[in-house]
C-alpha atoms as a PDB file:
ATOM      1  CA  UNK A   1     -43.672-126.403 142.664  1.00  0.00           C
ATOM      2  CA  UNK A   2     -41.998-129.176 140.497  1.00  0.00           C
ATOM      3  CA  UNK A   3     -42.690-128.379 136.696  1.00  0.00           C
ATOM      4  CA  UNK A   4     -42.465-131.073 134.141  1.00  0.00           C
ATOM      5  CA  UNK A   5     -40.443-130.555 130.685  1.00  0.00           C
ATOM      6  CA  UNK A   6     -37.579-128.803 129.681  1.00  0.00           C
ATOM      7  CA  UNK A   7     -38.512-125.462 131.469  1.00  0.00           C
ATOM      8  CA  UNK A   8     -36.174-123.033 133.096  1.00  0.00           C
ATOM      9  CA  UNK A   9     -36.429-123.675 136.972  1.00  0.00           C
ATOM     10  CA  UNK A  10     -34.473-122.665 140.034  1.00  0.00           C
ATOM     11  CA  UNK A  11     -33.215-125.832 141.032  1.00  0.00           C
ATOM     12  CA  UNK A  12     -32.916-129.584 139.732  1.00  0.00           C
ATOM     13  CA  UNK A  13     -32.978-131.970 142.313  1.00  0.00           C
ATOM     14  CA  UNK A  14     -31.082-135.098 141.480  1.00  0.00           C
ATOM     15  CA  UNK A  15     -31.525-138.434 143.679  1.00  0.00           C
ATOM     16  CA  UNK A  16     -30.138-141.710 142.860  1.00  0.00           C
ATOM     17  CA  UNK A  17     -31.988-144.637 144.388  1.00  0.00           C
ATOM     18  CA  UNK A  18     -31.013-148.512 144.274  1.00  0.00           C
ATOM     19  CA  UNK A  19     -34.333-149.798 144.522  1.00  0.00           C
ATOM     20  CA  UNK A  20     -34.764-148.283 148.110  1.00  0.00           C
ATOM     21  CA  UNK A  21     -38.448-147.200 147.634  1.00  0.00           C
ATOM     22  CA  UNK A  22     -39.548-146.668 151.306  1.00  0.00           C
ATOM     23  CA  UNK A  23     -36.337-144.182 152.017  1.00  0.00           C
ATOM     24  CA  UNK A  24     -36.953-142.652 148.487  1.00  0.00           C
ATOM     25  CA  UNK A  25     -40.684-141.882 148.932  1.00  0.00           C
ATOM     26  CA  UNK A  26     -39.852-140.494 152.216  1.00  0.00           C
ATOM     27  CA  UNK A  27     -37.446-138.268 150.915  1.00  0.00           C
ATOM     28  CA  UNK A  28     -39.404-136.998 148.151  1.00  0.00           C
ATOM     29  CA  UNK A  29     -42.444-136.531 150.153  1.00  0.00           C
ATOM     30  CA  UNK A  30     -40.261-134.420 152.385  1.00  0.00           C
ATOM     31  CA  UNK A  31     -38.959-132.249 149.651  1.00  0.00           C
ATOM     32  CA  UNK A  32     -42.309-131.489 148.329  1.00  0.00           C
ATOM     33  CA  UNK A  33     -43.802-130.603 151.611  1.00  0.00           C
ATOM     34  CA  UNK A  34     -41.101-127.876 152.628  1.00  0.00           C
ATOM     35  CA  UNK A  35     -40.067-126.601 149.373  1.00  0.00           C
ATOM     36  CA  UNK A  36     -42.192-123.408 148.406  1.00  0.00           C
ATOM     37  CA  UNK A  37     -40.336-120.614 147.700  1.00  0.00           C
ATOM     38  CA  UNK A  38     -38.308-122.239 144.634  1.00  0.00           C
ATOM     39  CA  UNK A  39     -39.223-123.510 141.294  1.00  0.00           C
ATOM     40  CA  UNK A  40     -37.828-127.124 140.828  1.00  0.00           C
ATOM     41  CA  UNK A  41     -37.819-130.220 139.201  1.00  0.00           C
ATOM     42  CA  UNK A  42     -36.825-133.902 140.391  1.00  0.00           C
ATOM     43  CA  UNK A  43     -34.951-136.275 138.936  1.00  0.00           C
ATOM     44  CA  UNK A  44     -34.963-139.921 140.159  1.00  0.00           C
ATOM     45  CA  UNK A  45     -32.265-142.340 138.692  1.00  0.00           C
ATOM     46  CA  UNK A  46     -33.891-145.535 139.293  1.00  0.00           C
ATOM     47  CA  UNK A  47     -31.012-148.110 139.571  1.00  0.00           C
ATOM     48  CA  UNK A  48     -31.893-151.579 139.220  1.00  0.00           C
ATOM     49  CA  UNK A  49     -35.536-150.773 140.213  1.00  0.00           C
ATOM     50  CA  UNK A  50     -38.204-153.381 140.210  1.00  0.00           C
ATOM     51  CA  UNK A  51     -41.368-153.062 138.089  1.00  0.00           C
ATOM     52  CA  UNK A  52     -43.274-152.671 141.248  1.00  0.00           C
ATOM     53  CA  UNK A  53     -41.360-150.051 142.774  1.00  0.00           C
ATOM     54  CA  UNK A  54     -41.267-148.122 139.259  1.00  0.00           C
ATOM     55  CA  UNK A  55     -44.860-148.112 139.393  1.00  0.00           C
ATOM     56  CA  UNK A  56     -45.138-147.088 142.827  1.00  0.00           C
ATOM     57  CA  UNK A  57     -43.002-144.018 142.540  1.00  0.00           C
ATOM     58  CA  UNK A  58     -44.869-143.071 139.491  1.00  0.00           C
ATOM     59  CA  UNK A  59     -48.264-143.164 141.146  1.00  0.00           C
ATOM     60  CA  UNK A  60     -47.135-141.120 144.176  1.00  0.00           C
ATOM     61  CA  UNK A  61     -45.044-138.613 142.451  1.00  0.00           C
ATOM     62  CA  UNK A  62     -46.322-138.347 138.653  1.00  0.00           C
ATOM     63  CA  UNK A  63     -44.408-135.215 137.940  1.00  0.00           C
ATOM     64  CA  UNK A  64     -40.985-136.524 138.854  1.00  0.00           C
ATOM     65  CA  UNK A  65     -38.412-137.452 136.008  1.00  0.00           C
ATOM     66  CA  UNK A  66     -37.438-141.046 136.137  1.00  0.00           C
ATOM     67  CA  UNK A  67     -34.171-142.199 134.349  1.00  0.00           C
ATOM     68  CA  UNK A  68     -34.027-146.067 134.661  1.00  0.00           C
ATOM     69  CA  UNK A  69     -30.594-147.473 135.172  1.00  0.00           C
ATOM     70  CA  UNK A  70     -30.502-151.016 134.513  1.00  0.00           C
ATOM     71  CA  UNK A  71     -26.738-151.719 133.737  1.00  0.00           C
ATOM     72  CA  UNK A  72     -23.969-151.730 136.393  1.00  0.00           C
ATOM     73  CA  UNK A  73     -22.871-148.254 137.086  1.00  0.00           C
ATOM     74  CA  UNK A  74     -21.490-146.137 139.861  1.00  0.00           C
ATOM     75  CA  UNK A  75     -22.676-143.289 142.025  1.00  0.00           C
ATOM     76  CA  UNK A  76     -21.091-140.937 139.867  1.00  0.00           C
ATOM     77  CA  UNK A  77     -22.097-142.330 136.803  1.00  0.00           C
ATOM     78  CA  UNK A  78     -25.609-142.529 137.849  1.00  0.00           C
ATOM     79  CA  UNK A  79     -25.919-139.142 138.991  1.00  0.00           C
ATOM     80  CA  UNK A  80     -24.341-137.743 135.760  1.00  0.00           C
ATOM     81  CA  UNK A  81     -27.343-139.263 133.936  1.00  0.00           C
ATOM     82  CA  UNK A  82     -29.619-136.819 135.417  1.00  0.00           C
ATOM     83  CA  UNK A  83     -27.372-134.064 135.842  1.00  0.00           C
ATOM     84  CA  UNK A  84     -26.683-133.597 132.175  1.00  0.00           C
ATOM     85  CA  UNK A  85     -30.225-133.226 131.790  1.00  0.00           C
ATOM     86  CA  UNK A  86     -30.789-130.722 134.375  1.00  0.00           C
ATOM     87  CA  UNK A  87     -32.557-127.434 133.426  1.00  0.00           C
ATOM     88  CA  UNK A  88     -32.153-125.570 136.893  1.00  0.00           C
ATOM     89  CA  UNK A  89     -29.601-122.845 137.627  1.00  0.00           C
ATOM     90  CA  UNK A  90     -28.757-124.945 140.586  1.00  0.00           C
ATOM     91  CA  UNK A  91     -28.561-128.609 141.066  1.00  0.00           C
ATOM     92  CA  UNK A  92     -29.380-130.032 144.228  1.00  0.00           C
ATOM     93  CA  UNK A  93     -27.568-133.626 144.715  1.00  0.00           C
ATOM     94  CA  UNK A  94     -29.394-135.292 147.804  1.00  0.00           C
ATOM     95  CA  UNK A  95     -29.289-139.078 148.724  1.00  0.00           C
ATOM     96  CA  UNK A  96     -32.644-140.772 148.932  1.00  0.00           C
ATOM     97  CA  UNK A  97     -32.134-141.919 152.484  1.00  0.00           C
ATOM     98  CA  UNK A  98     -32.302-138.303 153.603  1.00  0.00           C
ATOM     99  CA  UNK A  99     -35.065-136.662 155.676  1.00  0.00           C
ATOM    100  CA  UNK A 100     -35.872-133.074 156.143  1.00  0.00           C
ATOM    101  CA  UNK A 101     -37.888-131.047 158.659  1.00  0.00           C
ATOM    102  CA  UNK A 102     -37.139-127.262 157.189  1.00  0.00           C
ATOM    103  CA  UNK A 103     -36.989-125.988 153.650  1.00  0.00           C
ATOM    104  CA  UNK A 104     -33.563-126.963 152.951  1.00  0.00           C
ATOM    105  CA  UNK A 105     -33.795-126.394 149.087  1.00  0.00           C
ATOM    106  CA  UNK A 106     -35.388-122.968 149.576  1.00  0.00           C
ATOM    107  CA  UNK A 107     -32.811-122.050 152.286  1.00  0.00           C
ATOM    108  CA  UNK A 108     -29.611-123.204 150.412  1.00  0.00           C
ATOM    109  CA  UNK A 109     -30.773-121.256 147.262  1.00  0.00           C
ATOM    110  CA  UNK A 110     -30.869-118.392 149.315  1.00  0.00           C
ATOM    111  CA  UNK A 111     -27.602-118.865 150.837  1.00  0.00           C
ATOM    112  CA  UNK A 112     -26.156-118.290 147.165  1.00  0.00           C
ATOM    113  CA  UNK A 113     -27.449-114.769 147.234  1.00  0.00           C
ATOM    114  CA  UNK A 114     -26.045-113.973 151.002  1.00  0.00           C
ATOM    115  CA  UNK A 115     -22.706-115.428 149.865  1.00  0.00           C
ATOM    116  CA  UNK A 116     -22.115-114.707 146.143  1.00  0.00           C
ATOM    117  CA  UNK A 117     -18.633-116.205 146.170  1.00  0.00           C
ATOM    118  CA  UNK A 118     -20.190-119.514 146.722  1.00  0.00           C
ATOM    119  CA  UNK A 119     -19.903-122.153 143.920  1.00  0.00           C
ATOM    120  CA  UNK A 120     -21.287-124.871 146.197  1.00  0.00           C
ATOM    121  CA  UNK A 121     -23.166-124.912 149.433  1.00  0.00           C
ATOM    122  CA  UNK A 122     -23.867-127.621 151.836  1.00  0.00           C
ATOM    123  CA  UNK A 123     -26.322-127.945 154.752  1.00  0.00           C
ATOM    124  CA  UNK A 124     -25.411-129.167 158.128  1.00  0.00           C
ATOM    125  CA  UNK A 125     -25.778-133.304 157.809  1.00  0.00           C
ATOM    126  CA  UNK A 126     -27.179-134.843 160.971  1.00  0.00           C
ATOM    127  CA  UNK A 127     -27.427-138.218 161.858  1.00  0.00           C
ATOM    128  CA  UNK A 128     -30.972-139.442 162.516  1.00  0.00           C
ATOM    129  CA  UNK A 129     -30.486-138.945 166.396  1.00  0.00           C
ATOM    130  CA  UNK A 130     -29.496-135.182 165.621  1.00  0.00           C
ATOM    131  CA  UNK A 131     -25.864-135.769 166.145  1.00  0.00           C
ATOM    132  CA  UNK A 132     -23.537-134.067 163.645  1.00  0.00           C
ATOM    133  CA  UNK A 133     -22.546-136.149 160.868  1.00  0.00           C
ATOM    134  CA  UNK A 134     -21.063-133.413 158.622  1.00  0.00           C
ATOM    135  CA  UNK A 135     -20.302-129.698 158.877  1.00  0.00           C
ATOM    136  CA  UNK A 136     -17.809-128.946 156.528  1.00  0.00           C
ATOM    137  CA  UNK A 137     -14.664-130.973 155.767  1.00  0.00           C
ATOM    138  CA  UNK A 138     -11.124-130.327 155.181  1.00  0.00           C
ATOM    139  CA  UNK A 139      -9.233-130.746 152.227  1.00  0.00           C
ATOM    140  CA  UNK A 140      -9.070-134.324 151.313  1.00  0.00           C
ATOM    141  CA  UNK A 141      -5.290-135.276 151.419  1.00  0.00           C
ATOM    142  CA  UNK A 142      -3.661-138.800 151.955  1.00  0.00           C
ATOM    143  CA  UNK A 143      -2.017-137.432 155.122  1.00  0.00           C
ATOM    144  CA  UNK A 144      -5.401-136.328 156.392  1.00  0.00           C
ATOM    145  CA  UNK A 145      -6.887-139.716 155.711  1.00  0.00           C
ATOM    146  CA  UNK A 146      -4.386-141.794 157.081  1.00  0.00           C
ATOM    147  CA  UNK A 147      -4.454-139.844 160.539  1.00  0.00           C
ATOM    148  CA  UNK A 148      -8.075-140.175 160.910  1.00  0.00           C
ATOM    149  CA  UNK A 149      -8.127-143.889 159.660  1.00  0.00           C
ATOM    150  CA  UNK A 150      -5.467-144.909 162.178  1.00  0.00           C
ATOM    151  CA  UNK A 151      -6.879-142.791 165.175  1.00  0.00           C
ATOM    152  CA  UNK A 152      -4.106-140.518 165.244  1.00  0.00           C
ATOM    153  CA  UNK A 153      -6.582-137.594 164.952  1.00  0.00           C
ATOM    154  CA  UNK A 154     -10.296-137.611 165.707  1.00  0.00           C
ATOM    155  CA  UNK A 155     -12.861-135.618 163.305  1.00  0.00           C
ATOM    156  CA  UNK A 156     -14.638-134.466 166.341  1.00  0.00           C
ATOM    157  CA  UNK A 157     -11.320-132.940 167.890  1.00  0.00           C
ATOM    158  CA  UNK A 158     -10.352-131.171 164.822  1.00  0.00           C
ATOM    159  CA  UNK A 159      -9.804-127.221 164.917  1.00  0.00           C
ATOM    160  CA  UNK A 160     -10.168-125.455 161.928  1.00  0.00           C
ATOM    161  CA  UNK A 161     -12.142-122.629 160.414  1.00  0.00           C
ATOM    162  CA  UNK A 162     -13.067-125.028 157.651  1.00  0.00           C
ATOM    163  CA  UNK A 163     -15.366-127.176 159.784  1.00  0.00           C
ATOM    164  CA  UNK A 164     -17.844-127.078 162.493  1.00  0.00           C
ATOM    165  CA  UNK A 165     -18.568-123.454 162.335  1.00  0.00           C
ATOM    166  CA  UNK A 166     -21.696-121.281 162.803  1.00  0.00           C
ATOM    167  CA  UNK A 167     -23.792-119.735 160.379  1.00  0.00           C
ATOM    168  CA  UNK A 168     -22.292-119.492 156.570  1.00  0.00           C
ATOM    169  CA  UNK A 169     -18.716-120.355 156.465  1.00  0.00           C
ATOM    170  CA  UNK A 170     -16.307-121.522 153.876  1.00  0.00           C
ATOM    171  CA  UNK A 171     -15.035-124.951 153.980  1.00  0.00           C
ATOM    172  CA  UNK A 172     -12.623-127.489 151.999  1.00  0.00           C
ATOM    173  CA  UNK A 173     -14.875-130.522 150.934  1.00  0.00           C
ATOM    174  CA  UNK A 174     -18.571-131.026 150.641  1.00  0.00           C
ATOM    175  CA  UNK A 175     -20.411-134.263 151.359  1.00  0.00           C
ATOM    176  CA  UNK A 176     -22.280-136.265 148.553  1.00  0.00           C
ATOM    177  CA  UNK A 177     -25.379-137.174 150.736  1.00  0.00           C
ATOM    178  CA  UNK A 178     -26.699-133.373 150.298  1.00  0.00           C
ATOM    179  CA  UNK A 179     -25.243-130.476 148.381  1.00  0.00           C
ATOM    180  CA  UNK A 180     -26.295-127.543 146.024  1.00  0.00           C
ATOM    181  CA  UNK A 181     -24.033-126.400 143.190  1.00  0.00           C
ATOM    182  CA  UNK A 182     -24.332-123.793 140.472  1.00  0.00           C
ATOM    183  CA  UNK A 183     -25.245-125.722 137.300  1.00  0.00           C
ATOM    184  CA  UNK A 184     -22.937-123.795 134.991  1.00  0.00           C
ATOM    185  CA  UNK A 185     -19.952-124.437 137.333  1.00  0.00           C
ATOM    186  CA  UNK A 186     -20.983-128.172 137.593  1.00  0.00           C
ATOM    187  CA  UNK A 187     -20.890-128.256 133.846  1.00  0.00           C
ATOM    188  CA  UNK A 188     -17.523-126.542 133.555  1.00  0.00           C
ATOM    189  CA  UNK A 189     -16.089-128.999 135.955  1.00  0.00           C
ATOM    190  CA  UNK A 190     -17.238-131.738 133.995  1.00  0.00           C
ATOM    191  CA  UNK A 191     -19.850-133.216 136.407  1.00  0.00           C
ATOM    192  CA  UNK A 192     -18.847-136.232 138.800  1.00  0.00           C
ATOM    193  CA  UNK A 193     -15.884-137.825 137.665  1.00  0.00           C
ATOM    194  CA  UNK A 194     -16.982-141.255 136.735  1.00  0.00           C
ATOM    195  CA  UNK A 195     -13.972-143.018 137.155  1.00  0.00           C
ATOM    196  CA  UNK A 196     -15.179-143.381 141.043  1.00  0.00           C
ATOM    197  CA  UNK A 197     -17.496-146.042 141.426  1.00  0.00           C
ATOM    198  CA  UNK A 198     -18.346-145.506 145.060  1.00  0.00           C
ATOM    199  CA  UNK A 199     -16.783-142.521 146.674  1.00  0.00           C
ATOM    200  CA  UNK A 200     -15.014-140.257 146.798  1.00  0.00           C
ATOM    201  CA  UNK A 201     -16.457-138.473 144.012  1.00  0.00           C
ATOM    202  CA  UNK A 202     -17.841-135.590 146.243  1.00  0.00           C
ATOM    203  CA  UNK A 203     -14.382-134.869 147.517  1.00  0.00           C
ATOM    204  CA  UNK A 204     -12.843-135.182 143.982  1.00  0.00           C
ATOM    205  CA  UNK A 205     -15.646-132.461 142.935  1.00  0.00           C
ATOM    206  CA  UNK A 206     -15.094-130.274 145.916  1.00  0.00           C
ATOM    207  CA  UNK A 207     -11.089-130.330 145.338  1.00  0.00           C
ATOM    208  CA  UNK A 208     -11.294-129.798 141.574  1.00  0.00           C
ATOM    209  CA  UNK A 209     -13.610-126.885 142.336  1.00  0.00           C
ATOM    210  CA  UNK A 210     -10.823-125.277 144.599  1.00  0.00           C
ATOM    211  CA  UNK A 211      -8.350-125.781 142.401  1.00  0.00           C
ATOM    212  CA  UNK A 212     -10.330-123.897 139.642  1.00  0.00           C
ATOM    213  CA  UNK A 213     -10.885-121.030 142.104  1.00  0.00           C
ATOM    214  CA  UNK A 214     -14.262-121.377 143.488  1.00  0.00           C
ATOM    215  CA  UNK A 215     -15.387-121.713 146.961  1.00  0.00           C
ATOM    216  CA  UNK A 216     -17.504-124.438 148.803  1.00  0.00           C
ATOM    217  CA  UNK A 217     -19.443-123.021 151.756  1.00  0.00           C
ATOM    218  CA  UNK A 218     -21.678-124.559 154.608  1.00  0.00           C
ATOM    219  CA  UNK A 219     -24.692-122.933 156.250  1.00  0.00           C
ATOM    220  CA  UNK A 220     -24.796-124.466 159.145  1.00  0.00           C
ATOM    221  CA  UNK A 221     -28.284-123.272 160.164  1.00  0.00           C
ATOM    222  CA  UNK A 222     -29.786-125.264 157.450  1.00  0.00           C
ATOM    223  CA  UNK A 223     -29.921-128.865 158.499  1.00  0.00           C
ATOM    224  CA  UNK A 224     -30.812-132.071 156.991  1.00  0.00           C
ATOM    225  CA  UNK A 225     -30.823-135.779 158.348  1.00  0.00           C
ATOM    226  CA  UNK A 226     -28.823-138.768 156.730  1.00  0.00           C
ATOM    227  CA  UNK A 227     -30.190-142.240 157.766  1.00  0.00           C
ATOM    228  CA  UNK A 228     -27.066-144.362 156.431  1.00  0.00           C
ATOM    229  CA  UNK A 229     -24.089-142.950 157.907  1.00  0.00           C
ATOM    230  CA  UNK A 230     -22.374-145.974 158.068  1.00  0.00           C
ATOM    231  CA  UNK A 231     -22.376-147.102 154.567  1.00  0.00           C
ATOM    232  CA  UNK A 232     -18.823-145.267 153.825  1.00  0.00           C
ATOM    233  CA  UNK A 233     -17.674-146.478 157.074  1.00  0.00           C
ATOM    234  CA  UNK A 234     -17.560-149.995 155.968  1.00  0.00           C
ATOM    235  CA  UNK A 235     -15.654-149.290 152.637  1.00  0.00           C
ATOM    236  CA  UNK A 236     -13.548-146.498 153.639  1.00  0.00           C
ATOM    237  CA  UNK A 237     -10.326-148.436 153.702  1.00  0.00           C
ATOM    238  CA  UNK A 238     -10.682-149.638 150.482  1.00  0.00           C
ATOM    239  CA  UNK A 239     -12.009-146.800 148.561  1.00  0.00           C
ATOM    240  CA  UNK A 240     -11.068-143.361 149.974  1.00  0.00           C
ATOM    241  CA  UNK A 241      -7.425-143.788 149.396  1.00  0.00           C
ATOM    242  CA  UNK A 242      -8.422-143.666 145.682  1.00  0.00           C
END
């Protein structure tokens, strides 16, 4: 259940939405329908929302904490507006254009009990057609990016224990579309680096966690669907090298 007010909960769910009300409502409906074994709160950062869509959000999900963001801000900064107010032992950062057909929040939280070394857990992220979009990532380096960008290495053919594993396995990076992190560690790391406007704040956070001696894991038995997989692809050449 979702609890209002500054109460201690298991998980704080944080969603940034840029006035995409249909995607957002579908995402919220899925969270509420599938989360039963975890106490949670939901924070929605309503970025440049219309008054009509704000009213729809509040009417459909009155327990959601809404943070109105009406100035020019990047994805990292918008997330941090809510993350700094989180009351949960864990934070689940998830895109508004995701959908779930299983108890993702419950299962990721339980994954930390199964693997106590983990600071961050990612589900397997699928495209809407069921193909794999992300199941663990290699450490983000310029060399790796150049090989992929210039078609010298195909992600689907990469062989590494850090990617495309089964069950619970350690990985190098996580994807910002969906991951859960221990809140105490997120605070220690300084939240998302706001120097990044749109990407790769998720890779930067993963790399910083690794540098500090923390571990990122995937539970490949937990799946979530991500609708707009092409968003980064249109901008990768410009933003990922940063």
